[in-house]
């Protein structure tokens, strides 16, 4: 199941209030291992388009 599918399934079965009571943190965060992988492979990151936020 992809993350977007999981999000939709949760949304279909639970209200925002129910989810808020079940999870204290709702989001994604890179682990130290993931941050190191990004540093180690900067050339790959540079080849992909950047998003403007």
C-alpha atoms as a PDB file:
ATOM      1  CA  UNK A   1       0.000   0.000   0.000  1.00  0.00           C
ATOM      2  CA  UNK A   2       1.358   3.396  -0.973  1.00  0.00           C
ATOM      3  CA  UNK A   3       1.388   6.252   1.512  1.00  0.00           C
ATOM      4  CA  UNK A   4      -1.384   8.051  -0.381  1.00  0.00           C
ATOM      5  CA  UNK A   5      -3.527   4.877  -0.279  1.00  0.00           C
ATOM      6  CA  UNK A   6      -2.921   4.506   3.441  1.00  0.00           C
ATOM      7  CA  UNK A   7      -3.856   8.129   4.061  1.00  0.00           C
ATOM      8  CA  UNK A   8      -7.080   7.720   2.078  1.00  0.00           C
ATOM      9  CA  UNK A   9      -7.979   4.489   3.878  1.00  0.00           C
ATOM     10  CA  UNK A  10      -7.439   6.111   7.273  1.00  0.00           C
ATOM     11  CA  UNK A  11      -9.497   9.100   6.189  1.00  0.00           C
ATOM     12  CA  UNK A  12     -12.317   6.788   5.039  1.00  0.00           C
ATOM     13  CA  UNK A  13     -12.463   4.920   8.344  1.00  0.00           C
ATOM     14  CA  UNK A  14     -11.552   7.486  11.015  1.00  0.00           C
ATOM     15  CA  UNK A  15     -12.423  11.098  11.748  1.00  0.00           C
ATOM     16  CA  UNK A  16      -9.724  13.695  12.344  1.00  0.00           C
ATOM     17  CA  UNK A  17     -10.634  13.692  16.034  1.00  0.00           C
ATOM     18  CA  UNK A  18     -10.201   9.912  16.284  1.00  0.00           C
ATOM     19  CA  UNK A  19      -6.833  10.040  14.542  1.00  0.00           C
ATOM     20  CA  UNK A  20      -5.674  12.908  16.755  1.00  0.00           C
ATOM     21  CA  UNK A  21      -6.398  10.826  19.842  1.00  0.00           C
ATOM     22  CA  UNK A  22      -4.422   7.858  18.474  1.00  0.00           C
ATOM     23  CA  UNK A  23      -1.282   9.642  17.241  1.00  0.00           C
ATOM     24  CA  UNK A  24       0.738  12.323  19.001  1.00  0.00           C
ATOM     25  CA  UNK A  25       2.861  13.026  15.895  1.00  0.00           C
ATOM     26  CA  UNK A  26       1.389  12.860  12.412  1.00  0.00           C
ATOM     27  CA  UNK A  27       3.961  13.331   9.708  1.00  0.00           C
ATOM     28  CA  UNK A  28       7.185  12.137   8.246  1.00  0.00           C
ATOM     29  CA  UNK A  29      10.707  12.786   9.441  1.00  0.00           C
ATOM     30  CA  UNK A  30      14.018  11.601   8.068  1.00  0.00           C
ATOM     31  CA  UNK A  31      16.005   9.332  10.326  1.00  0.00           C
ATOM     32  CA  UNK A  32      19.707  10.033  10.903  1.00  0.00           C
ATOM     33  CA  UNK A  33      20.445   7.143   8.504  1.00  0.00           C
ATOM     34  CA  UNK A  34      18.241   8.770   5.846  1.00  0.00           C
ATOM     35  CA  UNK A  35      19.910  12.155   6.330  1.00  0.00           C
ATOM     36  CA  UNK A  36      23.321  10.511   5.903  1.00  0.00           C
ATOM     37  CA  UNK A  37      22.157   8.733   2.743  1.00  0.00           C
ATOM     38  CA  UNK A  38      21.104  12.084   1.271  1.00  0.00           C
ATOM     39  CA  UNK A  39      24.513  13.563   2.081  1.00  0.00           C
ATOM     40  CA  UNK A  40      26.325  10.539   0.638  1.00  0.00           C
ATOM     41  CA  UNK A  41      24.378  10.694  -2.636  1.00  0.00           C
ATOM     42  CA  UNK A  42      24.098  14.431  -3.268  1.00  0.00           C
ATOM     43  CA  UNK A  43      24.737  13.985  -7.017  1.00  0.00           C
ATOM     44  CA  UNK A  44      21.513  11.978  -7.331  1.00  0.00           C
ATOM     45  CA  UNK A  45      19.569  14.602  -5.404  1.00  0.00           C
ATOM     46  CA  UNK A  46      20.958  17.369  -7.626  1.00  0.00           C
ATOM     47  CA  UNK A  47      19.691  15.639 -10.784  1.00  0.00           C
ATOM     48  CA  UNK A  48      16.061  15.852  -9.641  1.00  0.00           C
ATOM     49  CA  UNK A  49      13.931  18.999  -9.907  1.00  0.00           C
ATOM     50  CA  UNK A  50      13.469  21.001  -6.751  1.00  0.00           C
ATOM     51  CA  UNK A  51      10.031  21.914  -5.441  1.00  0.00           C
ATOM     52  CA  UNK A  52       9.311  25.475  -4.422  1.00  0.00           C
ATOM     53  CA  UNK A  53       7.438  25.715  -1.137  1.00  0.00           C
END
